Amino acid sequence: MIDQAVIVQFTGYGEQFFKPGNRDLEPLARLQLEIEGTLAVEGTGVLDGHEIAIDGSEGTFYFYGPDARALFESIEEILDTSPITRGGTATLVFGDPADDDAPAEMVRLGLPA
């Protein structure tokens, strides 16, 4: 069975955390550890990795699991409240993430309910 995906995109990391001569990735590493711990407890999926632009202007987390909705719901609060991802988007892909025709839903992070 092909895993479903949650792809989280965020912007402004460098503005928040980079200082002249210091590209601090520790906040990103702490967020990753928090998410991985939650996923280990919830068992809803895995964090497959992340990318971040060299200037920190934008970044992406990649998550995979058998149910994109359950995966997202298990980490939604962390994503909504983190200064790194708040204001970004999560795209839930309900099918093979490599299939451009797979149904998908975009969710804004950190917006009031």
N, C-alpha and C. Protein backbone atom coordinates (compact mmCIF):
# COMPACT_ATOMS: atom_id res chain seq x y z
N MET A 1 0.84 -1.19 0.00
CA MET A 1 0.00 0.00 0.00
C MET A 1 0.89 1.25 0.00
N ILE A 2 0.55 2.21 -0.83
CA ILE A 2 1.28 3.47 -0.91
C ILE A 2 0.84 4.36 0.25
N ASP A 3 1.82 4.94 0.93
CA ASP A 3 1.51 5.87 2.01
C ASP A 3 0.87 7.14 1.45
N GLN A 4 0.10 7.78 2.29
CA GLN A 4 -0.41 9.11 2.01
C GLN A 4 0.60 10.11 2.57
N ALA A 5 0.39 11.39 2.32
CA ALA A 5 1.39 12.37 2.72
C ALA A 5 0.77 13.61 3.33
N VAL A 6 1.56 14.26 4.16
CA VAL A 6 1.28 15.61 4.63
C VAL A 6 2.56 16.40 4.35
N ILE A 7 2.43 17.46 3.58
CA ILE A 7 3.57 18.29 3.21
C ILE A 7 3.33 19.67 3.80
N VAL A 8 4.24 20.07 4.68
CA VAL A 8 4.10 21.34 5.40
C VAL A 8 5.10 22.33 4.84
N GLN A 9 4.60 23.48 4.41
CA GLN A 9 5.46 24.53 3.88
C GLN A 9 5.37 25.75 4.80
N PHE A 10 6.54 26.35 5.05
CA PHE A 10 6.59 27.52 5.94
C PHE A 10 7.55 28.54 5.36
N THR A 11 7.41 29.78 5.82
CA THR A 11 8.28 30.87 5.34
C THR A 11 8.77 31.68 6.55
N GLY A 12 9.81 32.47 6.31
CA GLY A 12 10.27 33.42 7.31
C GLY A 12 11.18 32.88 8.40
N TYR A 13 11.66 31.65 8.26
CA TYR A 13 12.52 31.08 9.30
C TYR A 13 13.77 31.94 9.50
N GLY A 14 14.42 32.30 8.42
CA GLY A 14 15.64 33.09 8.50
C GLY A 14 15.43 34.43 9.17
N GLU A 15 14.31 35.07 8.88
CA GLU A 15 14.01 36.36 9.50
C GLU A 15 13.89 36.23 11.02
N GLN A 16 13.35 35.10 11.47
CA GLN A 16 13.14 34.89 12.89
C GLN A 16 14.40 34.43 13.62
N PHE A 17 15.19 33.57 13.00
CA PHE A 17 16.22 32.86 13.73
C PHE A 17 17.66 33.10 13.25
N PHE A 18 17.85 33.61 12.04
CA PHE A 18 19.21 33.84 11.55
C PHE A 18 19.67 35.22 11.99
N LYS A 19 20.92 35.28 12.44
CA LYS A 19 21.57 36.54 12.78
C LYS A 19 22.78 36.66 11.86
N PRO A 20 23.32 37.84 11.67
CA PRO A 20 24.50 37.97 10.80
C PRO A 20 25.61 37.00 11.25
N GLY A 21 26.05 36.18 10.33
CA GLY A 21 27.11 35.22 10.61
C GLY A 21 26.68 33.99 11.39
N ASN A 22 25.38 33.85 11.66
CA ASN A 22 24.90 32.71 12.45
C ASN A 22 23.56 32.22 11.90
N ARG A 23 23.59 31.11 11.20
CA ARG A 23 22.37 30.49 10.68
C ARG A 23 21.94 29.42 11.68
N ASP A 24 21.18 29.84 12.69
CA ASP A 24 20.79 28.96 13.79
C ASP A 24 19.69 27.99 13.36
N LEU A 25 20.02 26.71 13.31
CA LEU A 25 19.05 25.68 12.95
C LEU A 25 18.54 24.92 14.16
N GLU A 26 18.97 25.32 15.36
CA GLU A 26 18.54 24.63 16.57
C GLU A 26 17.02 24.67 16.78
N PRO A 27 16.33 25.80 16.57
CA PRO A 27 14.87 25.79 16.72
C PRO A 27 14.19 24.79 15.77
N LEU A 28 14.70 24.67 14.56
CA LEU A 28 14.17 23.71 13.60
C LEU A 28 14.41 22.29 14.09
N ALA A 29 15.58 22.02 14.61
CA ALA A 29 15.90 20.68 15.14
C ALA A 29 15.01 20.34 16.34
N ARG A 30 14.76 21.31 17.22
CA ARG A 30 13.87 21.06 18.37
C ARG A 30 12.45 20.76 17.93
N LEU A 31 11.96 21.51 16.93
CA LEU A 31 10.61 21.25 16.41
C LEU A 31 10.55 19.85 15.80
N GLN A 32 11.56 19.48 15.05
CA GLN A 32 11.59 18.15 14.44
C GLN A 32 11.55 17.07 15.52
N LEU A 33 12.32 17.22 16.59
CA LEU A 33 12.31 16.23 17.67
C LEU A 33 10.95 16.15 18.36
N GLU A 34 10.31 17.30 18.57
CA GLU A 34 8.98 17.30 19.19
C GLU A 34 7.98 16.56 18.31
N ILE A 35 8.01 16.82 17.03
CA ILE A 35 7.10 16.15 16.09
C ILE A 35 7.38 14.66 16.04
N GLU A 36 8.65 14.28 15.95
CA GLU A 36 9.00 12.86 15.89
C GLU A 36 8.57 12.13 17.15
N GLY A 37 8.68 12.78 18.30
CA GLY A 37 8.22 12.16 19.55
C GLY A 37 6.72 11.94 19.55
N THR A 38 5.98 12.91 19.08
CA THR A 38 4.53 12.77 18.99
C THR A 38 4.15 11.67 18.03
N LEU A 39 4.79 11.62 16.88
CA LEU A 39 4.49 10.58 15.90
C LEU A 39 4.83 9.19 16.43
N ALA A 40 5.89 9.08 17.21
CA ALA A 40 6.26 7.79 17.80
C ALA A 40 5.17 7.32 18.77
N VAL A 41 4.62 8.24 19.54
CA VAL A 41 3.56 7.89 20.50
C VAL A 41 2.25 7.60 19.78
N GLU A 42 1.89 8.45 18.83
CA GLU A 42 0.61 8.33 18.13
C GLU A 42 0.61 7.19 17.11
N GLY A 43 1.76 6.91 16.52
CA GLY A 43 1.85 5.85 15.53
C GLY A 43 1.13 6.14 14.23
N THR A 44 0.99 7.43 13.90
CA THR A 44 0.22 7.80 12.71
C THR A 44 1.07 7.99 11.46
N GLY A 45 2.38 8.00 11.61
CA GLY A 45 3.23 8.20 10.44
C GLY A 45 4.64 8.56 10.85
N VAL A 46 5.41 9.01 9.86
CA VAL A 46 6.81 9.36 10.09
C VAL A 46 7.14 10.69 9.42
N LEU A 47 8.11 11.38 10.01
CA LEU A 47 8.69 12.55 9.39
C LEU A 47 9.84 12.05 8.52
N ASP A 48 9.73 12.25 7.22
CA ASP A 48 10.72 11.72 6.29
C ASP A 48 11.86 12.70 6.06
N GLY A 49 11.72 13.92 6.52
CA GLY A 49 12.79 14.88 6.36
C GLY A 49 12.27 16.28 6.13
N HIS A 50 13.20 17.19 5.95
CA HIS A 50 12.84 18.58 5.69
C HIS A 50 13.86 19.21 4.76
N GLU A 51 13.45 20.30 4.19
CA GLU A 51 14.33 21.13 3.37
C GLU A 51 14.16 22.56 3.85
N ILE A 52 15.24 23.33 3.78
CA ILE A 52 15.14 24.76 4.09
C ILE A 52 16.08 25.51 3.16
N ALA A 53 15.61 26.64 2.65
CA ALA A 53 16.43 27.47 1.76
C ALA A 53 17.65 27.95 2.54
N ILE A 54 18.75 28.16 1.85
CA ILE A 54 19.99 28.57 2.50
C ILE A 54 19.82 29.88 3.27
N ASP A 55 18.92 30.75 2.81
CA ASP A 55 18.69 32.01 3.51
C ASP A 55 17.55 31.90 4.52
N GLY A 56 16.96 30.70 4.63
CA GLY A 56 15.88 30.48 5.59
C GLY A 56 14.55 31.07 5.17
N SER A 57 14.44 31.52 3.93
CA SER A 57 13.22 32.19 3.49
C SER A 57 12.01 31.25 3.42
N GLU A 58 12.27 29.97 3.12
CA GLU A 58 11.18 29.01 3.04
C GLU A 58 11.69 27.62 3.37
N GLY A 59 10.77 26.77 3.79
CA GLY A 59 11.13 25.41 4.14
C GLY A 59 9.95 24.48 4.00
N THR A 60 10.26 23.18 4.05
CA THR A 60 9.23 22.15 3.87
C THR A 60 9.55 20.96 4.76
N PHE A 61 8.51 20.42 5.40
CA PHE A 61 8.58 19.13 6.10
C PHE A 61 7.80 18.12 5.28
N TYR A 62 8.27 16.86 5.25
CA TYR A 62 7.61 15.78 4.54
C TYR A 62 7.23 14.67 5.52
N PHE A 63 5.94 14.36 5.58
CA PHE A 63 5.42 13.32 6.45
C PHE A 63 4.69 12.28 5.62
N TYR A 64 4.81 11.01 6.03
CA TYR A 64 4.13 9.93 5.32
C TYR A 64 3.50 8.97 6.32
N GLY A 65 2.34 8.43 5.96
CA GLY A 65 1.65 7.47 6.80
C GLY A 65 0.46 6.90 6.05
N PRO A 66 -0.23 5.95 6.65
CA PRO A 66 -1.34 5.29 5.96
C PRO A 66 -2.60 6.15 5.84
N ASP A 67 -2.73 7.21 6.67
CA ASP A 67 -3.92 8.05 6.66
C ASP A 67 -3.50 9.50 6.88
N ALA A 68 -3.53 10.29 5.81
CA ALA A 68 -3.07 11.67 5.88
C ALA A 68 -3.84 12.48 6.92
N ARG A 69 -5.14 12.28 7.02
CA ARG A 69 -5.95 13.04 7.98
C ARG A 69 -5.52 12.72 9.42
N ALA A 70 -5.39 11.44 9.75
CA ALA A 70 -4.98 11.04 11.10
C ALA A 70 -3.57 11.56 11.41
N LEU A 71 -2.70 11.48 10.44
CA LEU A 71 -1.33 11.97 10.60
C LEU A 71 -1.35 13.46 10.91
N PHE A 72 -2.06 14.22 10.12
CA PHE A 72 -2.13 15.66 10.32
C PHE A 72 -2.74 15.99 11.68
N GLU A 73 -3.83 15.35 12.02
CA GLU A 73 -4.50 15.65 13.29
C GLU A 73 -3.59 15.36 14.49
N SER A 74 -2.69 14.39 14.36
CA SER A 74 -1.81 14.07 15.49
C SER A 74 -0.74 15.13 15.72
N ILE A 75 -0.40 15.93 14.70
CA ILE A 75 0.63 16.96 14.84
C ILE A 75 0.11 18.38 14.61
N GLU A 76 -1.17 18.50 14.36
CA GLU A 76 -1.76 19.80 14.02
C GLU A 76 -1.50 20.86 15.09
N GLU A 77 -1.69 20.54 16.35
CA GLU A 77 -1.51 21.53 17.41
C GLU A 77 -0.06 22.03 17.46
N ILE A 78 0.89 21.12 17.28
CA ILE A 78 2.31 21.52 17.27
C ILE A 78 2.56 22.48 16.11
N LEU A 79 2.06 22.15 14.93
CA LEU A 79 2.26 22.98 13.75
C LEU A 79 1.57 24.33 13.88
N ASP A 80 0.36 24.34 14.46
CA ASP A 80 -0.40 25.58 14.63
C ASP A 80 0.27 26.55 15.59
N THR A 81 0.96 26.04 16.60
CA THR A 81 1.51 26.90 17.64
C THR A 81 2.99 27.20 17.49
N SER A 82 3.70 26.46 16.67
CA SER A 82 5.13 26.71 16.50
C SER A 82 5.35 28.01 15.73
N PRO A 83 6.25 28.87 16.20
CA PRO A 83 6.55 30.09 15.43
C PRO A 83 7.19 29.79 14.08
N ILE A 84 7.67 28.58 13.92
CA ILE A 84 8.29 28.19 12.64
C ILE A 84 7.23 27.92 11.58
N THR A 85 6.21 27.16 11.93
CA THR A 85 5.22 26.72 10.93
C THR A 85 3.91 27.51 10.97
N ARG A 86 3.63 28.20 12.06
CA ARG A 86 2.39 29.00 12.16
C ARG A 86 2.34 29.99 10.99
N GLY A 87 1.22 30.01 10.29
CA GLY A 87 1.06 30.86 9.13
C GLY A 87 1.40 30.17 7.82
N GLY A 88 1.95 28.96 7.91
CA GLY A 88 2.28 28.19 6.71
C GLY A 88 1.09 27.37 6.25
N THR A 89 1.35 26.37 5.45
CA THR A 89 0.29 25.51 4.95
C THR A 89 0.67 24.04 5.10
N ALA A 90 -0.34 23.22 5.26
CA ALA A 90 -0.17 21.77 5.24
C ALA A 90 -1.03 21.25 4.09
N THR A 91 -0.44 20.48 3.22
CA THR A 91 -1.18 19.84 2.13
C THR A 91 -1.31 18.37 2.46
N LEU A 92 -2.55 17.92 2.63
CA LEU A 92 -2.84 16.52 2.91
C LEU A 92 -3.09 15.84 1.57
N VAL A 93 -2.33 14.80 1.26
CA VAL A 93 -2.45 14.08 0.00
C VAL A 93 -3.04 12.71 0.31
N PHE A 94 -4.24 12.46 -0.21
CA PHE A 94 -4.99 11.23 0.07
C PHE A 94 -4.79 10.21 -1.05
N GLY A 95 -3.58 9.74 -1.18
CA GLY A 95 -3.22 8.79 -2.22
C GLY A 95 -1.73 8.84 -2.42
N ASP A 96 -1.27 8.27 -3.49
CA ASP A 96 0.15 8.24 -3.80
C ASP A 96 0.66 9.68 -3.98
N PRO A 97 1.58 10.12 -3.14
CA PRO A 97 2.08 11.49 -3.25
C PRO A 97 2.74 11.79 -4.59
N ALA A 98 3.19 10.76 -5.30
CA ALA A 98 3.81 10.95 -6.62
C ALA A 98 2.77 11.12 -7.73
N ASP A 99 1.50 10.86 -7.42
CA ASP A 99 0.42 10.96 -8.40
C ASP A 99 -0.16 12.36 -8.37
N ASP A 100 0.06 13.12 -9.42
CA ASP A 100 -0.45 14.50 -9.49
C ASP A 100 -1.97 14.57 -9.42
N ASP A 101 -2.66 13.46 -9.69
CA ASP A 101 -4.12 13.44 -9.67
C ASP A 101 -4.68 12.95 -8.33
N ALA A 102 -3.82 12.64 -7.35
CA ALA A 102 -4.29 12.20 -6.04
C ALA A 102 -5.07 13.33 -5.38
N PRO A 103 -6.20 13.01 -4.73
CA PRO A 103 -6.96 14.06 -4.04
C PRO A 103 -6.10 14.70 -2.95
N ALA A 104 -6.24 16.01 -2.80
CA ALA A 104 -5.45 16.73 -1.81
C ALA A 104 -6.30 17.84 -1.19
N GLU A 105 -5.89 18.23 0.00
CA GLU A 105 -6.57 19.32 0.72
C GLU A 105 -5.51 20.20 1.36
N MET A 106 -5.63 21.51 1.21
CA MET A 106 -4.68 22.43 1.82
C MET A 106 -5.30 23.05 3.07
N VAL A 107 -4.51 23.10 4.15
CA VAL A 107 -4.94 23.67 5.43
C VAL A 107 -3.96 24.75 5.83
N ARG A 108 -4.47 25.93 6.19
CA ARG A 108 -3.62 27.00 6.72
C ARG A 108 -3.33 26.70 8.18
N LEU A 109 -2.10 26.92 8.60
CA LEU A 109 -1.68 26.62 9.96
C LEU A 109 -1.73 27.86 10.84
N GLY A 110 -2.23 27.65 12.05
CA GLY A 110 -2.22 28.71 13.05
C GLY A 110 -3.34 29.73 12.93
N LEU A 111 -4.34 29.42 12.15
CA LEU A 111 -5.47 30.33 12.03
C LEU A 111 -6.53 29.99 13.07
N PRO A 112 -7.20 31.00 13.61
CA PRO A 112 -8.26 30.70 14.58
C PRO A 112 -9.35 29.82 13.97
N ALA A 113 -9.93 28.96 14.79
CA ALA A 113 -10.99 28.06 14.32
C ALA A 113 -12.26 28.80 14.02
